[in-house]
Amino acid sequence: MPLPEEVVQSVSSTNFKSLGDGPSFYHNLAMSNAVNQQNLAAQNSIAQQQALGTVLTAAVGKIVKALTEADAEEAVSLNKVMSGDDVAQKIASLIGALGFGQIGAKTAQTTPPPTGG
């Protein structure tokens, strides 16, 4: 028993439509995959930038700390090298001046009172 002509035309139309829609379906599928890959690449790029930012922040922090913190020995050494000035010599001079001042003060305290003469 043969198929009715209406069924044959309906199946034929459906097949023709499927063949016509196929390229656009696969094109859209490829574009969707490309967009997903771009999104993934963008997320990876952002994560990489954030990691690099963390590393740079730590590096700058260490550099600033090294520039702003100096111990006493380093400061004295740098002062001597840069100015040729010896801090120990200055301290010895100051102690000597203070000692001389104290001797003068003691002498003034122990000076005998003038006698009526």
PDB file of N, CA and C in Angstrom:
ATOM      1  N   MET A   1       0.843  -1.165   0.000  1.00  0.00           N
ATOM      2  CA  MET A   1       0.000   0.000   0.000  1.00  0.00           C
ATOM      3  C   MET A   1       0.896   1.238   0.000  1.00  0.00           C
ATOM      4  N   PRO A   2       0.698   2.105  -0.952  1.00  0.00           N
ATOM      5  CA  PRO A   2       1.523   3.305  -1.074  1.00  0.00           C
ATOM      6  C   PRO A   2       1.126   4.359  -0.037  1.00  0.00           C
ATOM      7  N   LEU A   3       2.126   5.216   0.306  1.00  0.00           N
ATOM      8  CA  LEU A   3       1.878   6.311   1.268  1.00  0.00           C
ATOM      9  C   LEU A   3       1.085   7.413   0.584  1.00  0.00           C
ATOM     10  N   PRO A   4       0.252   8.061   1.382  1.00  0.00           N
ATOM     11  CA  PRO A   4      -0.488   9.182   0.791  1.00  0.00           C
ATOM     12  C   PRO A   4       0.483  10.303   0.390  1.00  0.00           C
ATOM     13  N   GLU A   5       0.134  11.024  -0.617  1.00  0.00           N
ATOM     14  CA  GLU A   5       0.974  12.103  -1.145  1.00  0.00           C
ATOM     15  C   GLU A   5       1.225  13.180  -0.076  1.00  0.00           C
ATOM     16  N   GLU A   6       0.295  13.467   0.774  1.00  0.00           N
ATOM     17  CA  GLU A   6       0.452  14.496   1.816  1.00  0.00           C
ATOM     18  C   GLU A   6       1.561  14.103   2.798  1.00  0.00           C
ATOM     19  N   VAL A   7       1.640  12.843   3.155  1.00  0.00           N
ATOM     20  CA  VAL A   7       2.663  12.374   4.092  1.00  0.00           C
ATOM     21  C   VAL A   7       4.030  12.469   3.431  1.00  0.00           C
ATOM     22  N   VAL A   8       4.103  12.079   2.169  1.00  0.00           N
ATOM     23  CA  VAL A   8       5.381  12.138   1.450  1.00  0.00           C
ATOM     24  C   VAL A   8       5.857  13.579   1.363  1.00  0.00           C
ATOM     25  N   GLN A   9       4.966  14.516   1.069  1.00  0.00           N
ATOM     26  CA  GLN A   9       5.349  15.936   0.977  1.00  0.00           C
ATOM     27  C   GLN A   9       5.748  16.485   2.348  1.00  0.00           C
ATOM     28  N   SER A  10       5.061  16.082   3.389  1.00  0.00           N
ATOM     29  CA  SER A  10       5.381  16.552   4.740  1.00  0.00           C
ATOM     30  C   SER A  10       6.770  16.075   5.155  1.00  0.00           C
ATOM     31  N   VAL A  11       7.072  14.797   4.914  1.00  0.00           N
ATOM     32  CA  VAL A  11       8.389  14.258   5.266  1.00  0.00           C
ATOM     33  C   VAL A  11       9.453  14.927   4.418  1.00  0.00           C
ATOM     34  N   SER A  12       9.168  15.127   3.159  1.00  0.00           N
ATOM     35  CA  SER A  12      10.107  15.779   2.259  1.00  0.00           C
ATOM     36  C   SER A  12      10.379  17.208   2.716  1.00  0.00           C
ATOM     37  N   SER A  13       9.363  17.936   3.124  1.00  0.00           N
ATOM     38  CA  SER A  13       9.532  19.318   3.602  1.00  0.00           C
ATOM     39  C   SER A  13      10.362  19.345   4.881  1.00  0.00           C
ATOM     40  N   THR A  14      10.105  18.407   5.764  1.00  0.00           N
ATOM     41  CA  THR A  14      10.845  18.355   7.028  1.00  0.00           C
ATOM     42  C   THR A  14      12.323  18.047   6.774  1.00  0.00           C
ATOM     43  N   ASN A  15      12.584  17.099   5.891  1.00  0.00           N
ATOM     44  CA  ASN A  15      13.967  16.779   5.554  1.00  0.00           C
ATOM     45  C   ASN A  15      14.669  17.974   4.921  1.00  0.00           C
ATOM     46  N   PHE A  16      13.974  18.650   4.007  1.00  0.00           N
ATOM     47  CA  PHE A  16      14.554  19.816   3.338  1.00  0.00           C
ATOM     48  C   PHE A  16      14.873  20.913   4.370  1.00  0.00           C
ATOM     49  N   LYS A  17      13.938  21.140   5.297  1.00  0.00           N
ATOM     50  CA  LYS A  17      14.156  22.159   6.341  1.00  0.00           C
ATOM     51  C   LYS A  17      15.352  21.774   7.208  1.00  0.00           C
ATOM     52  N   SER A  18      15.481  20.508   7.576  1.00  0.00           N
ATOM     53  CA  SER A  18      16.609  20.058   8.401  1.00  0.00           C
ATOM     54  C   SER A  18      17.929  20.275   7.676  1.00  0.00           C
ATOM     55  N   LEU A  19      17.943  19.959   6.393  1.00  0.00           N
ATOM     56  CA  LEU A  19      19.159  20.183   5.615  1.00  0.00           C
ATOM     57  C   LEU A  19      19.493  21.674   5.520  1.00  0.00           C
ATOM     58  N   GLY A  20      18.484  22.502   5.401  1.00  0.00           N
ATOM     59  CA  GLY A  20      18.708  23.948   5.314  1.00  0.00           C
ATOM     60  C   GLY A  20      19.146  24.554   6.641  1.00  0.00           C
ATOM     61  N   ASP A  21      18.607  24.033   7.733  1.00  0.00           N
ATOM     62  CA  ASP A  21      18.935  24.571   9.059  1.00  0.00           C
ATOM     63  C   ASP A  21      20.258  24.041   9.595  1.00  0.00           C
ATOM     64  N   GLY A  22      20.762  22.957   9.069  1.00  0.00           N
ATOM     65  CA  GLY A  22      21.986  22.327   9.562  1.00  0.00           C
ATOM     66  C   GLY A  22      23.185  23.257   9.629  1.00  0.00           C
ATOM     67  N   PRO A  23      23.552  23.937   8.539  1.00  0.00           N
ATOM     68  CA  PRO A  23      24.734  24.816   8.591  1.00  0.00           C
ATOM     69  C   PRO A  23      24.624  25.917   9.638  1.00  0.00           C
ATOM     70  N   SER A  24      23.447  26.537   9.739  1.00  0.00           N
ATOM     71  CA  SER A  24      23.316  27.610  10.741  1.00  0.00           C
ATOM     72  C   SER A  24      23.382  27.031  12.159  1.00  0.00           C
ATOM     73  N   PHE A  25      22.841  25.823  12.372  1.00  0.00           N
ATOM     74  CA  PHE A  25      22.920  25.183  13.688  1.00  0.00           C
ATOM     75  C   PHE A  25      24.382  24.949  14.075  1.00  0.00           C
ATOM     76  N   TYR A  26      25.143  24.363  13.133  1.00  0.00           N
ATOM     77  CA  TYR A  26      26.538  24.078  13.448  1.00  0.00           C
ATOM     78  C   TYR A  26      27.368  25.353  13.568  1.00  0.00           C
ATOM     79  N   HIS A  27      27.013  26.374  12.796  1.00  0.00           N
ATOM     80  CA  HIS A  27      27.699  27.668  12.924  1.00  0.00           C
ATOM     81  C   HIS A  27      27.455  28.259  14.317  1.00  0.00           C
ATOM     82  N   ASN A  28      26.194  28.225  14.750  1.00  0.00           N
ATOM     83  CA  ASN A  28      25.858  28.749  16.088  1.00  0.00           C
ATOM     84  C   ASN A  28      26.550  27.946  17.187  1.00  0.00           C
ATOM     85  N   LEU A  29      26.633  26.639  16.991  1.00  0.00           N
ATOM     86  CA  LEU A  29      27.320  25.798  17.961  1.00  0.00           C
ATOM     87  C   LEU A  29      28.804  26.164  18.041  1.00  0.00           C
ATOM     88  N   ALA A  30      29.421  26.378  16.894  1.00  0.00           N
ATOM     89  CA  ALA A  30      30.840  26.770  16.874  1.00  0.00           C
ATOM     90  C   ALA A  30      31.033  28.139  17.522  1.00  0.00           C
ATOM     91  N   MET A  31      30.138  29.061  17.239  1.00  0.00           N
ATOM     92  CA  MET A  31      30.244  30.399  17.849  1.00  0.00           C
ATOM     93  C   MET A  31      30.079  30.322  19.362  1.00  0.00           C
ATOM     94  N   SER A  32      29.181  29.480  19.815  1.00  0.00           N
ATOM     95  CA  SER A  32      28.977  29.313  21.252  1.00  0.00           C
ATOM     96  C   SER A  32      30.247  28.771  21.908  1.00  0.00           C
ATOM     97  N   ASN A  33      30.884  27.801  21.258  1.00  0.00           N
ATOM     98  CA  ASN A  33      32.140  27.262  21.784  1.00  0.00           C
ATOM     99  C   ASN A  33      33.229  28.328  21.791  1.00  0.00           C
ATOM    100  N   ALA A  34      33.282  29.145  20.747  1.00  0.00           N
ATOM    101  CA  ALA A  34      34.295  30.205  20.678  1.00  0.00           C
ATOM    102  C   ALA A  34      34.085  31.221  21.795  1.00  0.00           C
ATOM    103  N   VAL A  35      32.828  31.577  22.050  1.00  0.00           N
ATOM    104  CA  VAL A  35      32.530  32.534  23.128  1.00  0.00           C
ATOM    105  C   VAL A  35      32.921  31.937  24.476  1.00  0.00           C
ATOM    106  N   ASN A  36      32.628  30.648  24.677  1.00  0.00           N
ATOM    107  CA  ASN A  36      33.002  29.994  25.936  1.00  0.00           C
ATOM    108  C   ASN A  36      34.519  29.986  26.119  1.00  0.00           C
ATOM    109  N   GLN A  37      35.240  29.744  25.035  1.00  0.00           N
ATOM    110  CA  GLN A  37      36.705  29.749  25.117  1.00  0.00           C
ATOM    111  C   GLN A  37      37.224  31.152  25.417  1.00  0.00           C
ATOM    112  N   GLN A  38      36.601  32.176  24.826  1.00  0.00           N
ATOM    113  CA  GLN A  38      37.013  33.556  25.107  1.00  0.00           C
ATOM    114  C   GLN A  38      36.748  33.909  26.564  1.00  0.00           C
ATOM    115  N   ASN A  39      35.608  33.476  27.085  1.00  0.00           N
ATOM    116  CA  ASN A  39      35.297  33.739  28.492  1.00  0.00           C
ATOM    117  C   ASN A  39      36.300  33.052  29.412  1.00  0.00           C
ATOM    118  N   LEU A  40      36.645  31.822  29.069  1.00  0.00           N
ATOM    119  CA  LEU A  40      37.624  31.096  29.865  1.00  0.00           C
ATOM    120  C   LEU A  40      38.983  31.781  29.807  1.00  0.00           C
ATOM    121  N   ALA A  41      39.371  32.232  28.614  1.00  0.00           N
ATOM    122  CA  ALA A  41      40.650  32.939  28.465  1.00  0.00           C
ATOM    123  C   ALA A  41      40.634  34.243  29.264  1.00  0.00           C
ATOM    124  N   ALA A  42      39.508  34.946  29.249  1.00  0.00           N
ATOM    125  CA  ALA A  42      39.403  36.195  30.010  1.00  0.00           C
ATOM    126  C   ALA A  42      39.509  35.922  31.511  1.00  0.00           C
ATOM    127  N   GLN A  43      38.866  34.864  31.976  1.00  0.00           N
ATOM    128  CA  GLN A  43      38.943  34.515  33.402  1.00  0.00           C
ATOM    129  C   GLN A  43      40.377  34.147  33.787  1.00  0.00           C
ATOM    130  N   ASN A  44      41.052  33.400  32.926  1.00  0.00           N
ATOM    131  CA  ASN A  44      42.448  33.041  33.200  1.00  0.00           C
ATOM    132  C   ASN A  44      43.323  34.282  33.232  1.00  0.00           C
ATOM    133  N   SER A  45      43.079  35.202  32.322  1.00  0.00           N
ATOM    134  CA  SER A  45      43.864  36.433  32.272  1.00  0.00           C
ATOM    135  C   SER A  45      43.663  37.260  33.539  1.00  0.00           C
ATOM    136  N   ILE A  46      42.426  37.351  33.988  1.00  0.00           N
ATOM    137  CA  ILE A  46      42.131  38.112  35.219  1.00  0.00           C
ATOM    138  C   ILE A  46      42.809  37.453  36.415  1.00  0.00           C
ATOM    139  N   ALA A  47      42.736  36.130  36.495  1.00  0.00           N
ATOM    140  CA  ALA A  47      43.374  35.419  37.613  1.00  0.00           C
ATOM    141  C   ALA A  47      44.885  35.622  37.588  1.00  0.00           C
ATOM    142  N   GLN A  48      45.457  35.611  36.395  1.00  0.00           N
ATOM    143  CA  GLN A  48      46.904  35.818  36.272  1.00  0.00           C
ATOM    144  C   GLN A  48      47.287  37.239  36.685  1.00  0.00           C
ATOM    145  N   GLN A  49      46.483  38.222  36.277  1.00  0.00           N
ATOM    146  CA  GLN A  49      46.757  39.607  36.671  1.00  0.00           C
ATOM    147  C   GLN A  49      46.656  39.775  38.180  1.00  0.00           C
ATOM    148  N   GLN A  50      45.672  39.130  38.806  1.00  0.00           N
ATOM    149  CA  GLN A  50      45.521  39.230  40.258  1.00  0.00           C
ATOM    150  C   GLN A  50      46.714  38.597  40.966  1.00  0.00           C
ATOM    151  N   ALA A  51      47.179  37.458  40.471  1.00  0.00           N
ATOM    152  CA  ALA A  51      48.342  36.803  41.082  1.00  0.00           C
ATOM    153  C   ALA A  51      49.582  37.672  40.921  1.00  0.00           C
ATOM    154  N   LEU A  52      49.758  38.262  39.745  1.00  0.00           N
ATOM    155  CA  LEU A  52      50.899  39.141  39.514  1.00  0.00           C
ATOM    156  C   LEU A  52      50.821  40.374  40.415  1.00  0.00           C
ATOM    157  N   GLY A  53      49.606  40.900  40.603  1.00  0.00           N
ATOM    158  CA  GLY A  53      49.425  42.041  41.499  1.00  0.00           C
ATOM    159  C   GLY A  53      49.831  41.707  42.924  1.00  0.00           C
ATOM    160  N   THR A  54      49.509  40.505  43.376  1.00  0.00           N
ATOM    161  CA  THR A  54      49.887  40.070  44.724  1.00  0.00           C
ATOM    162  C   THR A  54      51.399  39.987  44.861  1.00  0.00           C
ATOM    163  N   VAL A  55      52.050  39.419  43.848  1.00  0.00           N
ATOM    164  CA  VAL A  55      53.514  39.302  43.876  1.00  0.00           C
ATOM    165  C   VAL A  55      54.156  40.690  43.868  1.00  0.00           C
ATOM    166  N   LEU A  56      53.652  41.591  43.022  1.00  0.00           N
ATOM    167  CA  LEU A  56      54.222  42.938  42.954  1.00  0.00           C
ATOM    168  C   LEU A  56      54.028  43.697  44.267  1.00  0.00           C
ATOM    169  N   THR A  57      52.864  43.532  44.888  1.00  0.00           N
ATOM    170  CA  THR A  57      52.607  44.202  46.168  1.00  0.00           C
ATOM    171  C   THR A  57      53.601  43.726  47.228  1.00  0.00           C
ATOM    172  N   ALA A  58      53.841  42.433  47.271  1.00  0.00           N
ATOM    173  CA  ALA A  58      54.803  41.893  48.242  1.00  0.00           C
ATOM    174  C   ALA A  58      56.208  42.399  47.961  1.00  0.00           C
ATOM    175  N   ALA A  59      56.590  42.442  46.689  1.00  0.00           N
ATOM    176  CA  ALA A  59      57.936  42.905  46.322  1.00  0.00           C
ATOM    177  C   ALA A  59      58.119  44.375  46.675  1.00  0.00           C
ATOM    178  N   VAL A  60      57.125  45.197  46.355  1.00  0.00           N
ATOM    179  CA  VAL A  60      57.227  46.625  46.673  1.00  0.00           C
ATOM    180  C   VAL A  60      57.276  46.817  48.182  1.00  0.00           C
ATOM    181  N   GLY A  61      56.518  46.027  48.928  1.00  0.00           N
ATOM    182  CA  GLY A  61      56.544  46.118  50.390  1.00  0.00           C
ATOM    183  C   GLY A  61      57.924  45.825  50.950  1.00  0.00           C
ATOM    184  N   LYS A  62      58.575  44.788  50.424  1.00  0.00           N
ATOM    185  CA  LYS A  62      59.930  44.452  50.901  1.00  0.00           C
ATOM    186  C   LYS A  62      60.918  45.560  50.556  1.00  0.00           C
ATOM    187  N   ILE A  63      60.787  46.133  49.370  1.00  0.00           N
ATOM    188  CA  ILE A  63      61.697  47.207  48.952  1.00  0.00           C
ATOM    189  C   ILE A  63      61.520  48.431  49.838  1.00  0.00           C
ATOM    190  N   VAL A  64      60.264  48.810  50.083  1.00  0.00           N
ATOM    191  CA  VAL A  64      59.999  49.976  50.941  1.00  0.00           C
ATOM    192  C   VAL A  64      60.512  49.722  52.348  1.00  0.00           C
ATOM    193  N   LYS A  65      60.312  48.518  52.855  1.00  0.00           N
ATOM    194  CA  LYS A  65      60.801  48.182  54.202  1.00  0.00           C
ATOM    195  C   LYS A  65      62.322  48.294  54.255  1.00  0.00           C
ATOM    196  N   ALA A  66      62.990  47.781  53.225  1.00  0.00           N
ATOM    197  CA  ALA A  66      64.458  47.842  53.204  1.00  0.00           C
ATOM    198  C   ALA A  66      64.944  49.284  53.129  1.00  0.00           C
ATOM    199  N   LEU A  67      64.201  50.138  52.432  1.00  0.00           N
ATOM    200  CA  LEU A  67      64.622  51.535  52.300  1.00  0.00           C
ATOM    201  C   LEU A  67      64.336  52.354  53.551  1.00  0.00           C
ATOM    202  N   THR A  68      63.293  52.000  54.277  1.00  0.00           N
ATOM    203  CA  THR A  68      62.897  52.830  55.421  1.00  0.00           C
ATOM    204  C   THR A  68      63.434  52.341  56.758  1.00  0.00           C
ATOM    205  N   GLU A  69      63.859  51.102  56.835  1.00  0.00           N
ATOM    206  CA  GLU A  69      64.376  50.581  58.106  1.00  0.00           C
ATOM    207  C   GLU A  69      65.888  50.431  58.021  1.00  0.00           C
ATOM    208  N   ALA A  70      66.564  50.991  59.009  1.00  0.00           N
ATOM    209  CA  ALA A  70      68.017  50.830  59.082  1.00  0.00           C
ATOM    210  C   ALA A  70      68.381  50.664  60.552  1.00  0.00           C
ATOM    211  N   ASP A  71      69.301  49.767  60.858  1.00  0.00           N
ATOM    212  CA  ASP A  71      69.723  49.617  62.238  1.00  0.00           C
ATOM    213  C   ASP A  71      70.822  50.650  62.537  1.00  0.00           C
ATOM    214  N   ALA A  72      71.156  50.785  63.809  1.00  0.00           N
ATOM    215  CA  ALA A  72      72.113  51.808  64.238  1.00  0.00           C
ATOM    216  C   ALA A  72      73.482  51.603  63.602  1.00  0.00           C
ATOM    217  N   GLU A  73      73.942  50.360  63.543  1.00  0.00           N
ATOM    218  CA  GLU A  73      75.262  50.085  62.951  1.00  0.00           C
ATOM    219  C   GLU A  73      75.323  50.531  61.498  1.00  0.00           C
ATOM    220  N   GLU A  74      74.275  50.207  60.771  1.00  0.00           N
ATOM    221  CA  GLU A  74      74.234  50.589  59.360  1.00  0.00           C
ATOM    222  C   GLU A  74      74.208  52.104  59.205  1.00  0.00           C
ATOM    223  N   ALA A  75      73.440  52.782  60.057  1.00  0.00           N
ATOM    224  CA  ALA A  75      73.355  54.237  59.980  1.00  0.00           C
ATOM    225  C   ALA A  75      74.713  54.883  60.264  1.00  0.00           C
ATOM    226  N   VAL A  76      75.417  54.404  61.275  1.00  0.00           N
ATOM    227  CA  VAL A  76      76.737  54.954  61.607  1.00  0.00           C
ATOM    228  C   VAL A  76      77.718  54.683  60.479  1.00  0.00           C
ATOM    229  N   SER A  77      77.691  53.482  59.941  1.00  0.00           N
ATOM    230  CA  SER A  77      78.599  53.145  58.837  1.00  0.00           C
ATOM    231  C   SER A  77      78.332  54.025  57.624  1.00  0.00           C
ATOM    232  N   LEU A  78      77.055  54.186  57.295  1.00  0.00           N
ATOM    233  CA  LEU A  78      76.717  55.030  56.140  1.00  0.00           C
ATOM    234  C   LEU A  78      77.135  56.480  56.373  1.00  0.00           C
ATOM    235  N   ASN A  79      76.917  56.977  57.587  1.00  0.00           N
ATOM    236  CA  ASN A  79      77.311  58.354  57.900  1.00  0.00           C
ATOM    237  C   ASN A  79      78.813  58.538  57.733  1.00  0.00           C
ATOM    238  N   LYS A  80      79.579  57.569  58.227  1.00  0.00           N
ATOM    239  CA  LYS A  80      81.037  57.661  58.133  1.00  0.00           C
ATOM    240  C   LYS A  80      81.488  57.593  56.675  1.00  0.00           C
ATOM    241  N   VAL A  81      80.900  56.672  55.902  1.00  0.00           N
ATOM    242  CA  VAL A  81      81.290  56.518  54.498  1.00  0.00           C
ATOM    243  C   VAL A  81      80.899  57.741  53.690  1.00  0.00           C
ATOM    244  N   MET A  82      79.689  58.243  53.891  1.00  0.00           N
ATOM    245  CA  MET A  82      79.185  59.350  53.070  1.00  0.00           C
ATOM    246  C   MET A  82      79.829  60.690  53.425  1.00  0.00           C
ATOM    247  N   SER A  83      80.072  60.926  54.705  1.00  0.00           N
ATOM    248  CA  SER A  83      80.570  62.249  55.095  1.00  0.00           C
ATOM    249  C   SER A  83      82.025  62.210  55.551  1.00  0.00           C
ATOM    250  N   GLY A  84      82.575  61.031  55.745  1.00  0.00           N
ATOM    251  CA  GLY A  84      83.935  60.940  56.268  1.00  0.00           C
ATOM    252  C   GLY A  84      83.990  61.321  57.738  1.00  0.00           C
ATOM    253  N   ASP A  85      82.822  61.454  58.342  1.00  0.00           N
ATOM    254  CA  ASP A  85      82.700  61.899  59.727  1.00  0.00           C
ATOM    255  C   ASP A  85      82.601  60.689  60.641  1.00  0.00           C
ATOM    256  N   ASP A  86      83.409  60.643  61.673  1.00  0.00           N
ATOM    257  CA  ASP A  86      83.384  59.518  62.599  1.00  0.00           C
ATOM    258  C   ASP A  86      82.542  59.898  63.813  1.00  0.00           C
ATOM    259  N   VAL A  87      81.417  59.219  63.978  1.00  0.00           N
ATOM    260  CA  VAL A  87      80.509  59.518  65.081  1.00  0.00           C
ATOM    261  C   VAL A  87      81.173  59.229  66.421  1.00  0.00           C
ATOM    262  N   ALA A  88      81.983  58.186  66.494  1.00  0.00           N
ATOM    263  CA  ALA A  88      82.658  57.859  67.753  1.00  0.00           C
ATOM    264  C   ALA A  88      83.555  59.015  68.199  1.00  0.00           C
ATOM    265  N   GLN A  89      84.223  59.636  67.241  1.00  0.00           N
ATOM    266  CA  GLN A  89      85.076  60.782  67.564  1.00  0.00           C
ATOM    267  C   GLN A  89      84.236  61.936  68.114  1.00  0.00           C
ATOM    268  N   LYS A  90      83.073  62.166  67.526  1.00  0.00           N
ATOM    269  CA  LYS A  90      82.195  63.237  68.022  1.00  0.00           C
ATOM    270  C   LYS A  90      81.716  62.941  69.435  1.00  0.00           C
ATOM    271  N   ILE A  91      81.356  61.694  69.682  1.00  0.00           N
ATOM    272  CA  ILE A  91      80.880  61.330  71.022  1.00  0.00           C
ATOM    273  C   ILE A  91      81.992  61.512  72.047  1.00  0.00           C
ATOM    274  N   ALA A  92      83.216  61.119  71.701  1.00  0.00           N
ATOM    275  CA  ALA A  92      84.348  61.296  72.620  1.00  0.00           C
ATOM    276  C   ALA A  92      84.572  62.776  72.907  1.00  0.00           C
ATOM    277  N   SER A  93      84.459  63.620  71.902  1.00  0.00           N
ATOM    278  CA  SER A  93      84.624  65.067  72.095  1.00  0.00           C
ATOM    279  C   SER A  93      83.548  65.624  73.010  1.00  0.00           C
ATOM    280  N   LEU A  94      82.301  65.162  72.810  1.00  0.00           N
ATOM    281  CA  LEU A  94      81.207  65.631  73.660  1.00  0.00           C
ATOM    282  C   LEU A  94      81.404  65.202  75.114  1.00  0.00           C
ATOM    283  N   ILE A  95      81.845  63.974  75.317  1.00  0.00           N
ATOM    284  CA  ILE A  95      82.093  63.496  76.695  1.00  0.00           C
ATOM    285  C   ILE A  95      83.201  64.319  77.332  1.00  0.00           C
ATOM    286  N   GLY A  96      84.241  64.618  76.572  1.00  0.00           N
ATOM    287  CA  GLY A  96      85.324  65.446  77.100  1.00  0.00           C
ATOM    288  C   GLY A  96      84.835  66.828  77.483  1.00  0.00           C
ATOM    289  N   ALA A  97      83.994  67.432  76.631  1.00  0.00           N
ATOM    290  CA  ALA A  97      83.465  68.769  76.921  1.00  0.00           C
ATOM    291  C   ALA A  97      82.579  68.737  78.165  1.00  0.00           C
ATOM    292  N   LEU A  98      81.762  67.691  78.275  1.00  0.00           N
ATOM    293  CA  LEU A  98      80.915  67.576  79.458  1.00  0.00           C
ATOM    294  C   LEU A  98      81.753  67.399  80.722  1.00  0.00           C
ATOM    295  N   GLY A  99      82.804  66.604  80.635  1.00  0.00           N
ATOM    296  CA  GLY A  99      83.687  66.400  81.788  1.00  0.00           C
ATOM    297  C   GLY A  99      84.362  67.711  82.193  1.00  0.00           C
ATOM    298  N   PHE A 100      84.823  68.480  81.214  1.00  0.00           N
ATOM    299  CA  PHE A 100      85.472  69.761  81.516  1.00  0.00           C
ATOM    300  C   PHE A 100      84.491  70.699  82.205  1.00  0.00           C
ATOM    301  N   GLY A 101      83.231  70.675  81.736  1.00  0.00           N
ATOM    302  CA  GLY A 101      82.198  71.521  82.357  1.00  0.00           C
ATOM    303  C   GLY A 101      81.919  71.103  83.781  1.00  0.00           C
ATOM    304  N   GLN A 102      81.937  69.822  84.041  1.00  0.00           N
ATOM    305  CA  GLN A 102      81.691  69.345  85.402  1.00  0.00           C
ATOM    306  C   GLN A 102      82.843  69.729  86.327  1.00  0.00           C
ATOM    307  N   ILE A 103      84.069  69.671  85.799  1.00  0.00           N
ATOM    308  CA  ILE A 103      85.225  70.073  86.624  1.00  0.00           C
ATOM    309  C   ILE A 103      85.103  71.541  86.980  1.00  0.00           C
ATOM    310  N   GLY A 104      84.711  72.360  86.011  1.00  0.00           N
ATOM    311  CA  GLY A 104      84.536  73.791  86.283  1.00  0.00           C
ATOM    312  C   GLY A 104      83.457  74.030  87.319  1.00  0.00           C
ATOM    313  N   ALA A 105      82.384  73.281  87.257  1.00  0.00           N
ATOM    314  CA  ALA A 105      81.294  73.449  88.215  1.00  0.00           C
ATOM    315  C   ALA A 105      81.742  73.032  89.606  1.00  0.00           C
ATOM    316  N   LYS A 106      82.514  71.963  89.709  1.00  0.00           N
ATOM    317  CA  LYS A 106      83.003  71.526  91.014  1.00  0.00           C
ATOM    318  C   LYS A 106      83.965  72.560  91.588  1.00  0.00           C
ATOM    319  N   THR A 107      84.801  73.123  90.728  1.00  0.00           N
ATOM    320  CA  THR A 107      85.743  74.131  91.212  1.00  0.00           C
ATOM    321  C   THR A 107      84.990  75.335  91.758  1.00  0.00           C
ATOM    322  N   ALA A 108      83.938  75.719  91.088  1.00  0.00           N
ATOM    323  CA  ALA A 108      83.158  76.876  91.537  1.00  0.00           C
ATOM    324  C   ALA A 108      82.485  76.569  92.861  1.00  0.00           C
ATOM    325  N   GLN A 109      82.090  75.322  93.060  1.00  0.00           N
ATOM    326  CA  GLN A 109      81.428  74.966  94.302  1.00  0.00           C
ATOM    327  C   GLN A 109      82.405  74.925  95.473  1.00  0.00           C
ATOM    328  N   THR A 110      83.659  74.604  95.211  1.00  0.00           N
ATOM    329  CA  THR A 110      84.611  74.423  96.308  1.00  0.00           C
ATOM    330  C   THR A 110      85.535  75.626  96.487  1.00  0.00           C
ATOM    331  N   THR A 111      85.251  76.688  95.807  1.00  0.00           N
ATOM    332  CA  THR A 111      86.089  77.886  95.983  1.00  0.00           C
ATOM    333  C   THR A 111      85.828  78.437  97.391  1.00  0.00           C
ATOM    334  N   PRO A 112      86.929  78.666  98.095  1.00  0.00           N
ATOM    335  CA  PRO A 112      86.715  79.186  99.472  1.00  0.00           C
ATOM    336  C   PRO A 112      86.099  80.595  99.436  1.00  0.00           C
ATOM    337  N   PRO A 113      85.317  80.868 100.426  1.00  0.00           N
ATOM    338  CA  PRO A 113      84.705  82.212 100.445  1.00  0.00           C
ATOM    339  C   PRO A 113      85.783  83.283 100.686  1.00  0.00           C
ATOM    340  N   PRO A 114      85.562  84.413 100.094  1.00  0.00           N
ATOM    341  CA  PRO A 114      86.566  85.476 100.321  1.00  0.00           C
ATOM    342  C   PRO A 114      86.577  85.898 101.805  1.00  0.00           C
ATOM    343  N   THR A 115      87.744  86.146 102.261  1.00  0.00           N
ATOM    344  CA  THR A 115      87.885  86.599 103.668  1.00  0.00           C
ATOM    345  C   THR A 115      88.034  88.118 103.643  1.00  0.00           C
ATOM    346  N   GLY A 116      87.540  88.713 104.576  1.00  0.00           N
ATOM    347  CA  GLY A 116      87.545  90.173 104.625  1.00  0.00           C
ATOM    348  C   GLY A 116      88.947  90.712 104.717  1.00  0.00           C
ATOM    349  N   GLY A 117      89.376  91.292 103.804  1.00  0.00           N
ATOM    350  CA  GLY A 117      90.743  91.699 103.824  1.00  0.00           C
ATOM    351  C   GLY A 117      91.029  93.097 103.522  1.00  0.00           C
TER     352      GLY A 117
END
